Protein backbone atom coordinates (compact mmCIF):
# COMPACT_ATOMS: atom_id res chain seq x y z
CA MET A 1 3.72 17.73 -18.04
CA VAL A 2 0.20 19.68 -16.72
CA VAL A 3 -1.98 16.82 -17.65
CA THR A 4 0.68 14.06 -15.82
CA VAL A 5 0.92 16.65 -12.62
CA LEU A 6 -2.63 17.13 -12.88
CA ALA A 7 -4.20 13.36 -13.30
CA ALA A 8 -1.64 12.31 -10.42
CA LEU A 9 -3.30 14.71 -8.34
CA ALA A 10 -6.89 13.57 -8.89
CA ALA A 11 -5.57 9.86 -8.29
CA GLY A 12 -3.77 10.54 -4.89
CA ALA A 13 -7.39 12.57 -4.10
CA ALA A 14 -9.75 9.71 -5.75
CA PHE A 15 -7.43 7.11 -3.34
CA ALA A 16 -7.63 9.59 -0.27
CA VAL A 17 -11.43 9.35 -0.24
CA ALA A 18 -11.73 5.82 -1.15
CA GLY A 19 -9.79 4.42 1.91
CA VAL A 20 -11.43 7.13 4.05
CA LEU A 21 -14.76 5.04 3.01
CA GLN A 22 -13.60 1.90 3.43
CA GLN A 23 -12.02 2.51 6.73
CA ARG A 24 -14.83 3.98 7.98
CA ALA A 25 -16.98 1.68 7.18
CA ALA A 26 -14.53 -1.60 7.84
CA ALA A 27 -14.57 0.05 11.97
CA ARG A 28 -18.53 -0.49 11.84
CA ARG A 29 -18.08 -4.42 11.45
CA PRO A 30 -17.56 -6.33 14.66
CA ASP A 31 -14.01 -8.00 15.80
CA GLY A 32 -15.03 -11.48 14.84
CA ASP A 33 -15.06 -10.74 11.14
CA THR A 34 -11.36 -9.37 11.61
CA LEU A 35 -9.04 -11.16 9.22
CA SER A 36 -12.46 -13.31 7.69
CA LEU A 37 -13.76 -13.42 4.38
CA ARG A 38 -16.65 -12.81 6.09
CA LEU A 39 -15.53 -8.93 6.50
CA VAL A 40 -15.17 -8.94 2.62
CA ARG A 41 -18.71 -9.68 2.36
CA ALA A 42 -20.27 -7.95 5.20
CA LEU A 43 -18.74 -4.85 3.67
CA ALA A 44 -19.72 -6.14 -0.18
CA ARG A 45 -22.86 -4.74 0.58
CA ASP A 46 -22.62 -1.94 2.53
CA PRO A 47 -22.94 1.27 -0.08
CA MET A 48 -20.08 4.06 1.67
CA TRP A 49 -17.53 1.02 1.18
CA LEU A 50 -18.97 0.61 -2.72
CA THR A 51 -18.22 3.85 -3.12
CA GLY A 52 -14.71 3.97 -1.78
CA ILE A 53 -13.80 0.78 -4.08
CA GLY A 54 -15.39 2.98 -7.19
CA LEU A 55 -13.16 5.56 -6.33
CA ALA A 56 -10.36 3.55 -5.99
CA VAL A 57 -11.11 2.40 -9.61
CA VAL A 58 -11.52 6.03 -11.08
CA ALA A 59 -8.48 6.85 -8.90
CA TYR A 60 -6.74 3.93 -11.13
CA VAL A 61 -7.89 5.59 -14.33
CA PHE A 62 -6.60 9.28 -13.30
CA GLN A 63 -3.27 6.76 -12.53
CA SER A 64 -3.89 5.37 -15.68
CA VAL A 65 -3.50 8.73 -17.56
CA ALA A 66 -1.00 10.13 -15.78
CA LEU A 67 1.79 7.59 -16.87
CA ALA A 68 0.03 7.79 -20.10
CA PHE A 69 1.47 11.66 -20.50
CA GLY A 70 4.80 11.15 -17.87
CA PRO A 71 6.82 8.45 -16.21
CA LEU A 72 6.28 6.72 -13.29
CA SER A 73 9.41 9.09 -11.78
CA LEU A 74 6.97 11.62 -11.62
CA VAL A 75 3.75 9.85 -10.65
CA GLN A 76 4.53 7.55 -8.07
CA PRO A 77 5.27 10.86 -5.78
CA LEU A 78 2.56 13.08 -6.60
CA ILE A 79 0.27 9.66 -6.02
CA ILE A 80 1.59 9.77 -2.52
CA SER A 81 -0.16 12.58 -1.69
CA GLU A 82 -3.17 11.07 -0.77
CA LEU A 83 -1.67 11.16 2.49
CA LEU A 84 -1.87 14.32 2.45
CA PHE A 85 -5.42 14.50 2.13
CA ALA A 86 -6.96 11.07 3.25
CA ILE A 87 -5.53 11.02 7.12
CA PRO A 88 -7.23 15.42 8.03
CA LEU A 89 -10.37 14.27 5.97
CA SER A 90 -10.31 10.89 8.06
CA ALA A 91 -9.95 13.21 11.42
CA ARG A 92 -12.01 15.49 10.15
CA LEU A 93 -15.69 13.41 9.51
CA ARG A 94 -14.70 12.15 12.93
CA HIS A 95 -14.96 15.67 14.63
CA ARG A 96 -11.43 16.28 15.64
CA SER A 97 -8.21 18.09 13.84
CA LEU A 98 -4.39 17.56 13.56
CA GLY A 99 -2.36 18.78 15.95
CA ALA A 100 1.47 19.91 15.27
CA ARG A 101 2.60 16.23 15.92
CA GLU A 102 -0.03 15.18 13.13
CA TRP A 103 0.79 17.21 10.67
CA ALA A 104 4.50 16.45 10.93
CA GLY A 105 4.36 12.74 11.08
CA THR A 106 1.56 12.91 8.09
CA LEU A 107 4.22 15.42 6.22
CA ALA A 108 7.36 13.63 7.29
CA VAL A 109 5.84 9.93 5.91
CA THR A 110 5.14 11.66 2.66
CA ALA A 111 8.10 13.31 2.32
CA GLY A 112 10.47 10.06 3.72
CA LEU A 113 8.39 7.80 1.29
CA THR A 114 8.31 10.25 -1.13
CA THR A 115 12.42 10.79 -1.08
CA ALA A 116 12.97 7.20 -0.86
CA LEU A 117 11.19 6.51 -4.25
CA ALA A 118 12.81 9.18 -6.07
CA ALA A 119 16.32 8.17 -5.02
CA ALA A 120 16.28 4.38 -5.68
CA ARG A 121 14.34 5.18 -9.21
CA PRO A 122 14.57 1.56 -9.85
CA GLY A 123 14.98 0.39 -13.17
CA ALA A 124 12.85 -2.50 -15.55
CA GLY A 125 14.10 -6.37 -15.29
CA ASP A 126 13.25 -9.55 -15.98
CA PRO A 127 9.91 -11.70 -14.48
CA ALA A 128 10.89 -14.73 -16.00
CA VAL A 129 13.09 -16.49 -12.91
CA PRO A 130 13.75 -20.02 -12.18
CA LEU A 131 10.79 -21.10 -10.13
CA ARG A 132 13.27 -21.79 -6.81
CA SER A 133 13.83 -17.74 -7.15
CA TRP A 134 10.55 -17.89 -6.76
CA LEU A 135 10.19 -20.51 -3.33
CA LEU A 136 12.60 -18.26 -1.59
CA VAL A 137 10.32 -15.15 -2.08
CA LEU A 138 7.13 -16.59 -1.32
CA ALA A 139 8.38 -18.41 1.91
CA ALA A 140 10.44 -14.97 3.14
CA VAL A 141 6.98 -12.75 2.21
CA GLY A 142 4.69 -15.84 3.81
CA GLY A 143 7.08 -16.09 7.02
CA LEU A 144 6.83 -11.76 7.65
CA VAL A 145 3.01 -11.87 7.01
CA ALA A 146 3.03 -15.30 9.61
CA LEU A 147 5.27 -12.60 12.09
CA THR A 148 3.45 -9.75 11.46
CA LEU A 149 -0.14 -11.38 12.54
CA ALA A 150 1.09 -13.05 15.70
CA LEU A 151 2.17 -9.91 16.71
CA GLY A 152 -1.02 -7.51 16.06
CA ARG A 153 -2.78 -10.62 18.14
CA ARG A 154 -1.21 -9.06 20.88
CA THR A 155 -2.10 -5.40 20.19
CA ALA A 156 -5.04 -3.71 19.58
CA GLY A 157 -6.26 -0.04 18.35
CA ALA A 158 -3.21 1.98 16.28
CA PRO A 159 -0.25 -0.41 16.02
CA LYS A 160 -2.60 -3.22 15.67
CA ALA A 161 -3.76 -1.61 12.64
CA SER A 162 -0.19 -1.37 11.84
CA LEU A 163 1.02 -4.35 11.89
CA LEU A 164 -2.14 -5.29 9.66
CA GLY A 165 -1.75 -3.10 7.36
CA LEU A 166 2.35 -4.72 7.73
CA ALA A 167 0.78 -7.63 6.21
CA GLY A 168 -1.68 -6.50 3.62
CA GLY A 169 1.75 -4.19 2.40
CA LEU A 170 3.25 -7.39 2.24
CA VAL A 171 0.86 -9.33 0.04
CA MET A 172 0.38 -6.49 -2.04
CA GLY A 173 3.60 -6.32 -2.68
CA THR A 174 4.12 -9.20 -3.67
CA GLN A 175 1.07 -9.18 -5.72
CA SER A 176 2.46 -6.69 -7.67
CA VAL A 177 5.35 -9.31 -8.56
CA LEU A 178 3.08 -11.46 -9.37
CA LEU A 179 1.11 -9.04 -12.17
CA ASP A 180 4.43 -8.35 -13.55
CA ALA A 181 5.17 -11.83 -13.79
CA THR A 182 1.70 -12.93 -15.13
CA VAL A 183 1.51 -9.85 -17.79
CA GLU A 184 4.59 -11.54 -18.84
CA ARG A 185 3.10 -14.38 -19.74
CA LEU A 186 0.08 -12.67 -20.97
CA GLY A 187 2.40 -11.63 -24.01
CA GLU A 188 3.43 -14.95 -25.01
CA GLY A 189 -1.00 -15.97 -25.99
CA LEU A 190 -3.79 -17.07 -23.58
CA GLY A 191 -3.05 -20.43 -23.13
CA ALA A 192 0.43 -19.63 -21.57
CA LEU A 193 -1.14 -17.36 -19.46
CA LEU A 194 -3.88 -19.74 -18.18
CA SER A 195 -1.15 -22.35 -17.67
CA SER A 196 1.05 -20.88 -15.19
CA TRP A 197 1.03 -20.77 -11.73
CA GLN A 198 1.23 -17.02 -11.27
CA THR A 199 -2.02 -16.46 -12.79
CA TYR A 200 -3.95 -18.54 -9.95
CA LEU A 201 -0.97 -17.51 -7.08
CA LEU A 202 -1.84 -13.39 -8.11
CA VAL A 203 -5.81 -14.25 -7.52
CA VAL A 204 -4.89 -15.61 -4.36
CA ALA A 205 -2.72 -12.96 -3.16
CA SER A 206 -5.44 -10.26 -4.07
CA VAL A 207 -8.30 -11.60 -2.03
CA ALA A 208 -5.38 -12.12 1.07
CA GLY A 209 -4.58 -8.72 0.45
CA LEU A 210 -8.18 -7.00 0.34
CA VAL A 211 -9.15 -9.19 3.84
CA LEU A 212 -6.03 -8.16 5.50
CA ILE A 213 -6.14 -4.87 4.03
CA GLN A 214 -9.90 -4.34 5.01
CA SER A 215 -8.92 -5.84 8.58
CA ALA A 216 -6.46 -3.06 9.27
CA PHE A 217 -8.90 -0.50 8.28
CA GLN A 218 -11.36 -2.19 11.22
CA ALA A 219 -8.75 -2.12 13.66
CA GLY A 220 -8.12 1.13 13.91
CA PRO A 221 -7.48 4.66 12.69
CA LEU A 222 -6.71 5.04 8.78
CA ALA A 223 -3.69 7.00 9.97
CA ALA A 224 -2.05 3.81 11.66
CA SER A 225 -2.86 1.83 8.39
CA MET A 226 -2.67 4.01 5.58
CA PRO A 227 0.76 4.91 5.57
CA VAL A 228 2.25 1.86 6.43
CA ILE A 229 0.36 -0.27 3.64
CA ASP A 230 1.69 2.80 1.21
CA ALA A 231 5.29 2.28 2.56
CA THR A 232 5.40 -1.43 1.99
CA GLU A 233 3.87 -2.56 -1.11
CA PRO A 234 6.78 -0.36 -3.18
CA ALA A 235 9.54 -1.61 -1.06
CA VAL A 236 8.08 -4.90 -1.25
CA ALA A 237 8.31 -4.29 -4.87
CA VAL A 238 12.03 -2.77 -5.34
CA THR A 239 13.34 -4.86 -2.58
CA VAL A 240 11.65 -8.48 -4.81
CA GLY A 241 12.28 -6.52 -8.25
CA VAL A 242 15.96 -6.51 -7.67
CA ALA A 243 16.68 -9.68 -5.62
CA VAL A 244 15.08 -11.64 -8.14
CA PHE A 245 14.47 -9.87 -11.76
CA GLY A 246 17.18 -8.32 -11.72
CA GLU A 247 15.89 -5.04 -11.97
CA THR A 248 18.32 -1.72 -10.84
CA ILE A 249 18.22 0.92 -8.87
CA ARG A 250 20.25 4.10 -8.63
CA THR A 251 23.43 3.48 -6.50
CA GLY A 252 25.73 6.12 -6.19
CA THR A 253 26.71 8.27 -2.44
CA VAL A 254 24.30 10.56 -3.24
CA PRO A 255 21.09 8.19 -4.07
CA LEU A 256 21.57 6.15 -1.11
CA THR A 257 21.73 8.42 1.21
CA CYS A 258 18.95 9.71 0.08
CA ALA A 259 16.77 6.59 0.31
CA ALA A 260 18.51 5.95 4.10
CA VAL A 261 17.12 9.43 5.37
CA GLY A 262 14.09 8.83 2.90
CA VAL A 263 13.21 5.46 4.98
CA ALA A 264 14.72 6.99 8.58
CA VAL A 265 12.01 9.82 7.99
CA LEU A 266 9.25 7.78 6.67
CA LEU A 267 9.62 5.87 10.06
CA ALA A 268 10.02 8.30 12.59
CA GLY A 269 6.29 9.40 10.92
CA ILE A 270 5.07 6.48 11.47
CA VAL A 271 5.67 6.53 14.66
CA LEU A 272 4.44 9.94 15.28
CA LEU A 273 0.84 9.15 14.18
CA ASP A 274 0.98 5.32 15.72
CA THR A 275 2.03 7.09 19.22
CA SER A 276 -0.56 10.01 19.18
CA PRO A 277 -2.85 10.81 21.77
CA LEU A 278 -5.30 12.36 18.65
CA PHE A 279 -5.22 8.49 16.68
CA ARG A 280 -5.70 6.94 20.18
CA GLY A 281 -8.64 8.40 21.00
CA LEU A 282 -10.14 7.54 17.54
CA ASP A 283 -9.73 3.82 17.75
């Protein structure tokens, strides 16, 4: 248990520093690079951004160690602690300190997301579903991403960063679902993997998610994008898992009430951070 906790906290800290470095590098890119592969190509030559990517890899290693010694229901909430590291660090590097409002928002997002995930506690399902089900999922996610991007073009600063982060979270949540299906096909052999359309869509979703998330980092402060990304990714994965893959969640009165309260607290925290005068000054 001690190894699980320490490894999960180390993963959260590494993810936090990785996010801060990527956001600082992305914020230096011109607005014309937003939502284009030019942004990623330029960042790939930036030592700060590459260091952030390297730390993300280290974080995944720590996460794997934590999962090897403990359950996902313990590991995931601890990794969400990245917000408690990332947001204060991002502000400190801009020579700012968090006030009561910013700490309240950060704690609300962390506590709300942790509570919602712990209350739901999704169980395993079967990713082998008909093509029609996949098409419905992809159409729904595609429509939401298009709507989010359209709204993002009408905004700037922290709200734009949150909307682009939402789009990135939607895509990366779908990428997690595609990864699950791809791993399932891998168990059937290399031929099944290479002949599966999910394998190739996984690559497309990974690239699109990378562009969207880096564009969110570029658009505004980390406090506006990272909480939204961290909340949206598991929300999409759990929703698709339950609706399409037949995964289960706890549905009793107490779990559902806790999940609803967690989501409400999470959204309140995001609003507090998005409307913070401190973070508007960091745009």
